Protein backbone atom coordinates (compact mmCIF):
# COMPACT_ATOMS: atom_id res chain seq x y z
CA MET A 1 163.05 131.90 63.66
CA THR A 2 161.77 134.88 65.66
CA ARG A 3 158.14 135.93 65.82
CA ASN A 4 158.91 139.08 63.79
CA GLN A 5 160.51 136.98 61.05
CA VAL A 6 157.40 134.73 60.90
CA VAL A 7 155.14 137.77 60.57
CA SER A 8 157.43 139.26 57.95
CA ASN A 9 157.42 136.01 55.91
CA LYS A 10 153.60 135.86 56.00
CA ALA A 11 153.40 139.45 54.90
CA GLN A 12 155.79 138.81 52.01
CA ARG A 13 153.72 135.80 50.90
CA GLY A 14 150.62 137.98 50.98
CA ILE A 15 152.35 140.63 48.88
CA ARG A 16 153.52 138.06 46.31
CA ARG A 17 150.04 136.53 46.10
CA ASP A 18 148.48 140.00 45.73
CA GLN A 19 150.90 140.85 42.95
CA LYS A 20 150.17 137.56 41.20
CA VAL A 21 146.38 137.33 41.31
CA SER A 22 144.93 140.74 42.03
CA ASN A 23 142.13 141.25 39.51
CA THR A 24 141.35 144.86 40.11
CA PRO A 25 140.72 146.65 36.79
CA GLU A 26 144.05 148.47 36.79
CA GLN A 27 146.12 145.28 37.30
CA VAL A 28 144.32 142.30 35.72
CA PRO A 29 141.39 142.47 33.26
CA TRP A 30 138.01 141.63 34.75
CA SER A 31 136.83 138.24 33.44
CA ASP A 32 133.91 138.64 31.04
CA ALA A 33 131.80 136.04 32.81
CA LEU A 34 132.07 137.76 36.18
CA PRO A 35 129.12 139.85 37.33
CA ALA A 36 129.85 143.56 37.75
CA ALA A 37 132.16 144.45 40.64
CA ALA A 38 129.35 146.16 42.55
CA VAL A 39 127.16 143.06 42.12
CA CYS A 40 129.93 140.79 43.41
CA LYS A 41 130.44 143.02 46.44
CA SER A 42 126.74 143.20 47.25
CA ALA A 43 126.22 139.44 46.72
CA ARG A 44 129.04 138.38 49.02
CA GLN A 45 128.14 140.89 51.72
CA SER A 46 124.53 139.66 51.71
CA ARG A 47 125.59 136.00 51.19
CA ASP A 48 123.14 135.75 48.29
CA PRO A 49 122.73 132.04 47.39
CA ARG A 50 121.79 132.87 43.79
CA PHE A 51 125.46 133.67 43.13
CA ASP A 52 126.87 130.32 44.27
CA GLY A 53 128.96 129.17 41.33
CA ARG A 54 128.68 132.53 39.54
CA PHE A 55 131.89 133.78 41.16
CA TYR A 56 134.38 132.97 43.92
CA VAL A 57 135.89 135.20 46.59
CA ALA A 58 139.60 134.92 47.40
CA VAL A 59 140.98 136.48 50.58
CA LEU A 60 144.50 137.88 50.35
CA SER A 61 145.35 137.61 54.04
CA THR A 62 144.41 133.93 54.42
CA GLY A 63 145.17 132.56 50.95
CA ILE A 64 141.73 130.91 50.88
CA PHE A 65 138.92 131.18 48.32
CA CYS A 66 135.24 130.77 49.19
CA ARG A 67 131.73 130.80 47.84
CA PRO A 68 129.94 134.15 48.18
CA THR A 69 127.68 132.42 50.75
CA CYS A 70 130.53 131.30 53.04
CA PRO A 71 129.49 131.60 56.72
CA ALA A 72 132.94 132.84 57.74
CA ARG A 73 133.45 136.47 58.76
CA ILE A 74 133.05 138.80 55.79
CA PRO A 75 136.43 140.32 54.87
CA ALA A 76 136.96 143.93 53.85
CA GLU A 77 136.58 144.71 50.15
CA HIS A 78 140.21 145.79 49.72
CA ASN A 79 141.29 142.35 50.99
CA VAL A 80 139.39 140.23 48.45
CA ARG A 81 139.75 139.28 44.80
CA TYR A 82 137.00 137.85 42.58
CA PHE A 83 137.30 134.89 40.23
CA ALA A 84 134.84 133.56 37.67
CA ASN A 85 136.00 129.98 38.13
CA ALA A 86 137.22 127.89 41.06
CA ALA A 87 140.11 126.63 38.94
CA ALA A 88 141.24 130.21 38.31
CA ALA A 89 141.41 130.89 42.04
CA ALA A 90 143.23 127.62 42.70
CA ASP A 91 145.65 128.24 39.82
CA ALA A 92 146.45 131.65 41.34
CA GLY A 93 147.61 129.98 44.54
CA TYR A 94 144.52 130.06 46.76
CA ARG A 95 143.24 126.92 48.46
CA PRO A 96 139.56 125.97 48.90
CA CYS A 97 137.81 126.94 52.12
CA ARG A 98 137.08 123.96 54.38
CA ARG A 99 133.83 125.46 55.61
CA CYS A 100 131.96 126.28 52.40
CA ARG A 101 133.81 123.81 50.10
CA PRO A 102 133.74 126.02 46.99
CA GLU A 103 135.13 123.21 44.83
CA HIS A 104 131.74 121.49 45.15
CA ALA A 105 129.67 124.48 44.00
CA LEU A 106 127.75 124.15 40.75
CA PRO A 107 129.61 125.58 37.75
CA MET A 108 128.67 128.86 36.14
CA PRO A 109 125.50 128.51 34.00
CA GLU A 110 126.28 128.06 30.33
CA TRP A 111 124.19 131.05 29.26
CA ALA A 112 126.49 133.35 31.27
CA LEU A 113 129.54 132.26 29.27
CA GLY A 114 128.35 133.82 26.02
CA ASN A 115 130.66 131.74 23.84
CA GLN A 116 129.72 128.40 22.28
CA HIS A 117 133.37 127.36 21.89
CA ILE A 118 133.77 127.64 25.66
CA VAL A 119 130.50 125.79 26.33
CA ARG A 120 131.50 122.90 24.09
CA ALA A 121 135.05 122.85 25.44
CA LEU A 122 133.86 122.74 29.06
CA ARG A 123 131.57 119.81 28.28
CA LEU A 124 134.55 117.96 26.82
CA VAL A 125 136.68 118.86 29.84
CA ASP A 126 133.93 117.55 32.13
CA GLU A 127 134.14 114.21 30.30
CA GLY A 128 137.87 114.05 31.02
CA PHE A 129 139.01 114.77 27.45
CA LEU A 130 142.20 116.54 28.57
CA ASN A 131 143.16 113.58 30.77
CA GLN A 132 144.07 111.66 27.58
CA HIS A 133 144.60 114.42 24.99
CA PRO A 134 146.60 117.66 24.73
CA VAL A 135 144.95 121.08 24.53
CA SER A 136 145.82 121.18 20.82
CA ALA A 137 143.50 118.19 20.25
CA LEU A 138 140.72 120.00 22.11
CA ALA A 139 141.20 123.08 19.94
CA GLN A 140 141.21 120.95 16.80
CA ARG A 141 137.96 119.30 17.93
CA LEU A 142 136.40 122.76 18.16
CA GLY A 143 137.86 123.96 14.85
CA ILE A 144 139.93 126.79 16.32
CA SER A 145 143.59 127.35 17.16
CA GLU A 146 145.05 126.42 20.54
CA ARG A 147 146.18 130.01 21.06
CA HIS A 148 142.70 131.37 20.42
CA LEU A 149 141.15 128.75 22.73
CA ASP A 150 143.46 129.74 25.60
CA ARG A 151 142.81 133.41 24.91
CA VAL A 152 139.02 133.20 25.04
CA PHE A 153 139.15 131.03 28.17
CA MET A 154 141.37 133.55 29.93
CA GLN A 155 139.18 136.43 28.77
CA VAL A 156 135.91 134.86 29.90
CA LEU A 157 136.87 132.62 32.84
CA GLY A 158 140.31 133.79 33.89
CA ALA A 159 141.75 130.27 33.53
CA THR A 160 143.02 128.09 30.68
CA PRO A 161 141.27 124.83 29.71
CA LEU A 162 144.22 122.87 31.12
CA ALA A 163 143.98 124.66 34.49
CA ILE A 164 140.26 123.86 34.68
CA ALA A 165 140.90 120.22 33.75
CA ARG A 166 143.58 119.90 36.44
CA PHE A 167 141.30 121.30 39.10
CA LYS A 168 138.40 119.04 38.10
CA ARG A 169 140.72 116.05 38.21
CA ALA A 170 141.92 116.99 41.69
CA GLN A 171 138.34 117.58 42.83
CA LEU A 172 137.27 114.11 41.69
CA ALA A 173 140.36 112.56 43.28
CA ARG A 174 139.47 114.13 46.61
CA GLN A 175 135.97 112.71 46.38
CA LEU A 176 137.37 109.28 45.54
CA LEU A 177 139.42 109.41 48.74
CA THR A 178 136.16 108.72 50.62
CA THR A 179 136.09 105.20 49.14
CA ASN A 180 138.09 102.13 50.16
CA LEU A 181 140.09 102.16 46.94
CA PRO A 182 143.90 102.07 47.14
CA LEU A 183 145.58 105.36 46.24
CA ALA A 184 146.95 103.98 42.97
CA GLN A 185 143.44 103.09 41.78
CA ILE A 186 142.09 106.46 42.88
CA ALA A 187 144.76 108.16 40.79
CA GLU A 188 143.77 106.04 37.78
CA HIS A 189 140.01 106.68 38.14
CA ALA A 190 140.59 110.41 38.59
CA GLY A 191 142.52 110.53 35.32
CA TYR A 192 146.14 110.84 36.47
CA CYS A 193 148.98 109.28 34.50
CA SER A 194 150.92 108.36 37.64
CA ILE A 195 150.55 108.33 41.40
CA SER A 196 153.33 110.92 41.68
CA GLN A 197 151.37 113.33 39.49
CA PHE A 198 148.28 112.56 41.61
CA SER A 199 150.13 113.36 44.84
CA ARG A 200 151.80 116.47 43.42
CA GLU A 201 148.57 118.05 42.16
CA LEU A 202 146.57 117.35 45.32
CA LYS A 203 149.30 118.97 47.39
CA ARG A 204 149.23 121.95 45.05
CA PHE A 205 145.47 122.51 45.27
CA PHE A 206 144.67 121.36 48.82
CA GLN A 207 148.03 121.77 50.64
CA PHE A 208 147.94 118.14 51.80
CA SER A 209 149.07 114.80 50.40
CA PRO A 210 146.42 112.20 49.43
CA SER A 211 147.13 110.13 52.54
CA GLN A 212 146.77 113.23 54.75
CA LEU A 213 143.46 114.15 53.09
CA ARG A 214 142.18 110.62 53.71
CA LYS A 215 143.45 110.41 57.30
CA GLY A 216 140.73 110.71 59.90
CA ARG A 217 137.90 110.54 57.37
CA GLY A 218 135.40 107.71 57.36
CA ARG A 219 135.61 105.57 54.26
CA VAL A 220 132.11 105.04 52.98
CA GLY A 221 130.55 102.93 50.26
CA ALA A 222 131.58 99.68 48.67
CA PRO A 223 135.14 99.44 47.34
CA LEU A 224 134.01 99.77 43.73
CA THR A 225 131.34 102.44 44.19
CA LEU A 226 131.65 106.21 44.34
CA ASN A 227 128.92 107.90 46.36
CA LEU A 228 128.45 111.61 45.59
CA LEU A 229 125.97 114.32 46.50
CA LEU A 230 125.25 116.51 43.46
CA PRO A 231 123.96 120.01 44.26
CA VAL A 232 120.85 121.14 42.38
CA ARG A 233 120.02 124.73 41.50
CA GLN A 234 116.56 125.69 42.62
CA PRO A 235 113.79 125.78 41.64
CA TYR A 236 113.85 122.16 40.49
CA ASP A 237 110.79 119.93 40.06
CA PHE A 238 111.98 116.44 41.04
CA GLU A 239 108.60 114.87 40.37
CA TRP A 240 108.56 116.08 36.76
CA ILE A 241 111.99 114.77 35.81
CA PHE A 242 111.66 111.38 37.52
CA ASN A 243 108.19 110.88 36.03
CA TYR A 244 109.48 111.90 32.57
CA LEU A 245 112.19 109.26 32.82
CA ARG A 246 109.84 106.65 34.30
CA ILE A 247 107.33 106.63 31.44
CA ARG A 248 110.19 106.38 28.91
CA ALA A 249 112.27 103.78 30.79
CA LEU A 250 113.75 100.99 28.66
CA ALA A 251 112.92 97.45 29.79
CA GLY A 252 115.93 95.67 31.29
CA ILE A 253 118.08 98.81 31.11
CA GLU A 254 116.34 101.51 33.18
CA THR A 255 114.04 101.45 36.19
CA VAL A 256 112.48 104.39 37.99
CA GLN A 257 110.74 103.90 41.32
CA GLY A 258 109.60 107.03 43.08
CA TYR A 259 112.57 109.39 43.20
CA CYS A 260 115.14 106.74 42.31
CA TYR A 261 116.57 106.18 38.83
CA ARG A 262 118.72 103.14 38.02
CA ARG A 263 120.62 102.61 34.76
CA LYS A 264 122.25 99.29 33.95
CA LEU A 265 125.65 99.66 32.28
CA PRO A 266 126.83 97.30 29.53
CA GLU A 267 129.15 94.32 29.89
CA GLY A 268 128.57 93.70 33.58
CA GLN A 269 129.89 97.09 34.71
CA GLY A 270 127.13 97.48 37.28
CA SER A 271 124.50 100.20 37.52
CA VAL A 272 124.35 103.93 38.06
CA VAL A 273 121.82 104.89 40.73
CA VAL A 274 120.51 108.42 41.18
CA ARG A 275 118.05 109.27 43.94
CA ARG A 276 116.65 112.38 45.48
CA GLU A 277 118.14 113.43 48.79
CA GLY A 278 116.43 116.55 50.14
CA GLN A 279 116.88 119.25 47.53
CA ASN A 280 119.88 117.52 45.95
CA LEU A 281 120.66 114.28 44.15
CA ARG A 282 122.70 111.38 45.51
CA VAL A 283 124.51 109.40 42.82
CA HIS A 284 126.19 106.01 43.12
CA LEU A 285 128.73 105.35 40.35
CA PRO A 286 130.39 101.97 39.74
CA LEU A 287 134.14 102.18 39.33
CA GLY A 288 136.24 100.07 37.02
CA GLY A 289 134.37 100.42 33.73
CA GLU A 290 133.55 103.63 31.88
CA SER A 291 135.45 106.76 32.89
CA THR A 292 134.12 108.29 36.10
CA HIS A 293 134.34 111.74 34.49
CA ARG A 294 132.14 110.54 31.62
CA LEU A 295 129.60 108.85 33.89
CA LEU A 296 129.25 112.02 35.94
CA ARG A 297 128.76 114.03 32.76
CA ARG A 298 125.99 111.63 31.68
CA VAL A 299 124.17 112.13 35.00
CA VAL A 300 124.53 115.92 34.86
CA ARG A 301 123.16 115.94 31.32
CA LEU A 302 120.29 113.52 32.03
CA PHE A 303 119.05 115.48 35.04
CA ASP A 304 119.76 118.89 33.47
CA LEU A 305 121.89 120.05 36.39
CA ASP A 306 123.69 122.74 34.39
CA ALA A 307 120.50 124.78 33.87
CA ASP A 308 120.00 128.07 35.70
CA GLY A 309 116.52 127.44 37.10
CA ASP A 310 116.14 130.88 38.64
CA ALA A 311 116.94 132.77 35.42
CA ILE A 312 114.63 130.52 33.38
CA HIS A 313 111.81 130.88 35.89
CA ARG A 314 112.03 134.68 36.02
CA HIS A 315 112.07 134.99 32.22
CA LEU A 316 109.15 132.65 31.46
CA LEU A 317 107.09 133.99 34.35
CA GLN A 318 106.68 137.25 32.40
CA HIS A 319 104.52 135.52 29.78
CA ARG A 320 100.85 135.37 30.59
CA GLY A 321 100.12 132.02 28.95
CA LEU A 322 102.93 130.25 30.82
CA ALA A 323 102.83 132.07 34.18
CA PRO A 324 100.03 129.98 35.82
CA TRP A 325 101.91 126.77 35.05
CA LEU A 326 105.23 128.14 36.31
CA GLU A 327 103.55 129.13 39.57
CA ARG A 328 102.02 125.67 39.83
CA ALA A 329 105.22 123.73 39.03
CA PRO A 330 108.33 125.90 39.33
CA GLY A 331 111.53 124.34 38.08
CA LEU A 332 110.58 122.03 35.22
CA ARG A 333 113.78 120.86 33.55
CA VAL A 334 114.60 119.34 30.16
CA PRO A 335 115.83 115.78 30.71
CA GLY A 336 118.92 115.15 28.64
CA ALA A 337 120.18 112.04 26.88
CA TRP A 338 122.09 109.29 28.65
CA ASP A 339 123.40 108.30 25.23
CA GLY A 340 123.08 110.56 22.20
CA PHE A 341 122.67 107.85 19.56
CA GLU A 342 120.11 106.00 21.67
CA THR A 343 118.01 109.14 22.10
CA ALA A 344 118.29 110.04 18.41
CA VAL A 345 116.99 106.59 17.43
CA ARG A 346 114.16 106.91 19.94
CA ALA A 347 113.28 110.31 18.47
CA VAL A 348 112.76 108.64 15.09
CA LEU A 349 110.76 105.83 16.69
CA GLY A 350 108.57 108.44 18.40
CA GLN A 351 107.66 110.36 15.27
CA GLN A 352 103.87 110.74 14.95
CA VAL A 353 103.13 108.21 17.71
CA SER A 354 102.41 108.44 21.43
CA VAL A 355 105.12 108.28 24.09
CA ALA A 356 103.88 104.83 25.12
CA ARG A 357 104.01 103.53 21.55
CA GLY A 358 107.46 105.00 20.99
CA THR A 359 108.71 103.29 24.16
CA ASP A 360 107.18 99.96 23.05
CA LEU A 361 109.00 100.24 19.73
CA ALA A 362 112.29 101.01 21.52
CA ASN A 363 111.83 97.92 23.71
CA ALA A 364 111.09 95.84 20.60
CA LEU A 365 114.29 97.18 19.02
CA ILE A 366 116.28 96.12 22.10
CA GLU A 367 114.74 92.67 22.15
CA ARG A 368 115.38 91.99 18.46
CA TYR A 369 118.80 93.57 17.95
CA GLY A 370 120.25 94.66 21.26
CA GLN A 371 121.48 91.45 22.90
CA GLY A 372 120.68 92.78 26.37
CA GLY A 373 121.42 96.44 25.76
CA PHE A 374 120.41 99.21 23.39
CA PRO A 375 121.57 98.31 19.86
CA THR A 376 124.80 99.85 18.62
CA PRO A 377 125.12 101.60 15.23
CA GLU A 378 126.84 98.47 13.89
CA GLN A 379 123.84 96.34 14.90
CA LEU A 380 121.34 98.66 13.20
CA CYS A 381 123.02 99.89 10.04
CA ASP A 382 121.98 96.88 7.91
CA ALA A 383 118.84 95.85 9.81
CA GLU A 384 115.31 95.81 8.35
CA ILE A 385 113.98 97.79 11.28
CA ALA A 386 110.46 98.10 9.87
CA GLU A 387 109.91 94.47 10.91
CA ILE A 388 109.37 95.56 14.52
CA GLY A 389 106.12 97.24 13.41
CA MET A 390 106.86 100.68 12.00
CA PRO A 391 106.78 102.37 8.55
CA GLY A 392 109.60 101.32 6.23
CA ARG A 393 110.77 104.88 5.57
CA ARG A 394 111.21 105.50 9.28
CA GLY A 395 113.07 102.23 9.71
CA ARG A 396 115.44 103.12 6.87
CA ALA A 397 116.03 106.52 8.52
CA ILE A 398 117.32 104.72 11.63
CA SER A 399 119.63 102.53 9.53
CA ALA A 400 120.90 105.66 7.76
CA LEU A 401 121.56 107.38 11.11
CA ALA A 402 123.52 104.34 12.27
CA GLN A 403 125.61 104.24 9.10
CA ARG A 404 126.43 107.94 9.33
CA VAL A 405 127.60 107.50 12.92
CA ILE A 406 129.89 104.68 11.80
CA ASP A 407 131.19 106.87 8.97
CA ARG A 408 131.66 109.74 11.49
CA GLY A 409 129.25 111.93 9.57
CA LEU A 410 127.07 112.37 12.66
CA ASP A 411 128.19 113.27 16.17
CA PHE A 412 125.54 112.78 18.85
CA SER A 413 127.62 114.03 21.78
CA ASP A 414 126.43 117.07 23.75
CA HIS A 415 129.63 118.89 22.77
CA CYS A 416 129.03 118.56 19.02
CA ASP A 417 128.53 121.57 16.76
CA SER A 418 124.77 122.17 16.83
CA ASP A 419 124.61 123.77 13.37
CA GLN A 420 126.61 120.97 11.76
CA LEU A 421 124.39 118.36 13.40
CA HIS A 422 121.29 120.16 12.15
CA SER A 423 122.58 120.17 8.58
CA ALA A 424 123.66 116.52 8.76
CA LEU A 425 120.25 115.43 10.07
CA GLU A 426 118.41 117.37 7.37
CA ALA A 427 120.29 115.31 4.77
CA VAL A 428 118.90 112.02 6.12
CA PRO A 429 115.70 110.91 4.33
CA GLY A 430 112.87 110.43 6.80
CA ILE A 431 114.22 112.93 9.36
CA GLY A 432 111.97 115.96 9.70
CA PRO A 433 111.95 119.24 11.70
CA TRP A 434 110.27 117.70 14.77
CA THR A 435 112.93 115.00 15.09
CA ILE A 436 115.79 117.45 14.57
CA ASN A 437 114.50 119.81 17.25
CA TYR A 438 113.85 116.97 19.68
CA ILE A 439 117.41 115.70 19.22
CA LYS A 440 118.79 119.21 19.77
CA LEU A 441 116.55 119.51 22.83
CA ARG A 442 117.76 116.38 24.60
CA VAL A 443 121.08 115.43 23.00
CA VAL A 444 122.75 118.78 22.32
CA LYS A 445 121.02 120.39 25.33
CA ASP A 446 120.08 123.45 23.29
CA PRO A 447 117.93 125.53 25.71
CA ASP A 448 116.22 127.24 22.78
CA ALA A 449 115.28 124.15 20.73
CA PHE A 450 111.56 124.17 19.99
CA PRO A 451 109.59 121.67 17.84
CA HIS A 452 106.99 124.19 16.67
CA ASN A 453 105.10 121.47 14.75
CA ASP A 454 104.68 119.22 17.80
CA TRP A 455 101.10 117.93 17.97
CA VAL A 456 100.70 118.76 21.68
CA VAL A 457 102.09 122.27 21.14
CA LEU A 458 99.64 122.96 18.32
CA LYS A 459 96.72 121.68 20.37
CA GLN A 460 97.62 123.59 23.53
CA LEU A 461 98.33 126.84 21.71
CA GLN A 462 95.45 126.32 19.29
CA ALA A 463 97.74 127.46 16.50
CA THR A 464 99.27 126.45 13.21
CA PRO A 465 102.98 125.58 13.14
CA ALA A 466 103.80 129.06 11.80
CA LYS A 467 101.77 130.79 14.53
CA ALA A 468 103.25 128.54 17.22
CA ALA A 469 106.76 129.46 16.09
CA SER A 470 105.84 133.15 16.09
CA GLN A 471 104.31 132.97 19.57
CA ALA A 472 107.38 131.19 20.91
CA GLU A 473 109.71 134.00 19.81
CA SER A 474 109.11 135.88 23.06
CA TRP A 475 110.21 132.82 25.05
CA ARG A 476 113.76 132.93 23.67
CA PRO A 477 116.35 131.88 24.74
CA TRP A 478 114.46 129.34 26.88
CA ARG A 479 111.96 127.87 24.40
CA ALA A 480 112.94 124.30 25.36
CA TYR A 481 111.80 124.98 28.92
CA ALA A 482 108.62 126.66 27.71
CA LEU A 483 107.94 123.42 25.82
CA MET A 484 108.17 121.47 29.08
CA TYR A 485 105.43 123.70 30.54
CA ILE A 486 103.25 123.18 27.47
CA TRP A 487 103.66 119.41 27.84
CA TYR A 488 103.04 119.69 31.58
CA ALA A 489 99.83 121.67 30.97
CA ALA A 490 98.61 119.04 28.50
CA MET A 491 99.40 116.21 30.91
CA THR A 492 97.65 117.99 33.80
CA ARG A 493 94.54 118.69 31.77
CA ARG A 494 94.45 115.10 30.52
CA GLN A 495 94.68 113.79 34.10
CA GLN A 496 91.98 116.16 35.29
CA GLY A 497 89.73 115.02 32.42
CA SER A 498 90.23 111.35 33.22
CA ASN A 499 89.40 111.94 36.91
CA LYS A 500 86.02 113.48 36.18
């Protein structure tokens, strides 16, 4: 083949790619979740780190897509296309840049999506739902049609749920290639049905076979452990979140020492370990038990890694009562739930008692009913829970919660319908507004959940529940994060008082 033929072939490939993926307004609709075109242009030309994960830049001449902060030479505007999602760029035929590794960027913040169906669907996709189920099952879970689900995904993100699931699966597979696991086991842990499908999809997204991607790379970690570095959006207060988890740690299940959190998994599956590493988190996941996708989702939820710290900080900083505390401790996050049912039960145990007393009751529950782990709904549904030292009505509320979970009347996953959960909890005797809001805060990860009748809130704001709710209106849609600053202020003042 002559040199002119090679150049001609490259040019033709560039033309075909341009015709396929160009997302200029006159050819392909601009994805709703993308920032304005002028913002995208300015952000990539200035390499603004605030836009990492908010959009991706594909270069027509190279067939590569990058983060807006990529250190490579900045291409001309006419030679780039913008995508709201890494999967959309990969599905259009672009491959990830080897310098900036866009596939490892944090996903777009949930608030920017503007559609709760998409938020819930993406949480399910993160757990690996589409590895075992068709898209129709995902749509049914959300209560909408498959056609509508695909349509809103394309409109907002420029990619279908299945395309996003495929890319996430390939991304995890590539990370698993850093372990000593055989390729067949890597394919299984990543969620592939066969090793041929595993090989085919990695070639599609990364242009190399699994063995080629592994070649020349050091294999780190024990054979049954996945070692990952999780990026963290700044600002992020590591001390707050690790301390929050430490004082609520369950005996025999969780330990927190300094900036290291360890969670024991059931049935001898090992432990998940999360520790601070610089301004990020290093996570060690055991392989061979629970789905790796699901374990990763648990860690992301627990450490609130989906939150947009910069947007939250800028919004709450405008409010005079909160501003001094935001300046003192920027980046307080809302710790999520490792397990939704566990956290819901602990919310009931914590009603009208201190954090220490609520933790003692949870440990007593584990000792009496848990058999080495946190009790399951089946272990609690018929138990006389008041015998651990709590009011009978509250104990019966826990038994009722357990029975409703068994009957599938309550869903404590973070992808449940928040309004349906609220209504279902209201119907349980002994469950009040504080408990419902706390569950929405930590289990559903509702950024606007706010227990306006919380004792600490009322004391700090010197207000009645009605006045506290009214004052919090200006903090929307981040009232859950405002609550963290109220609790932080109370804790700081209490510590200062005890040191005098």
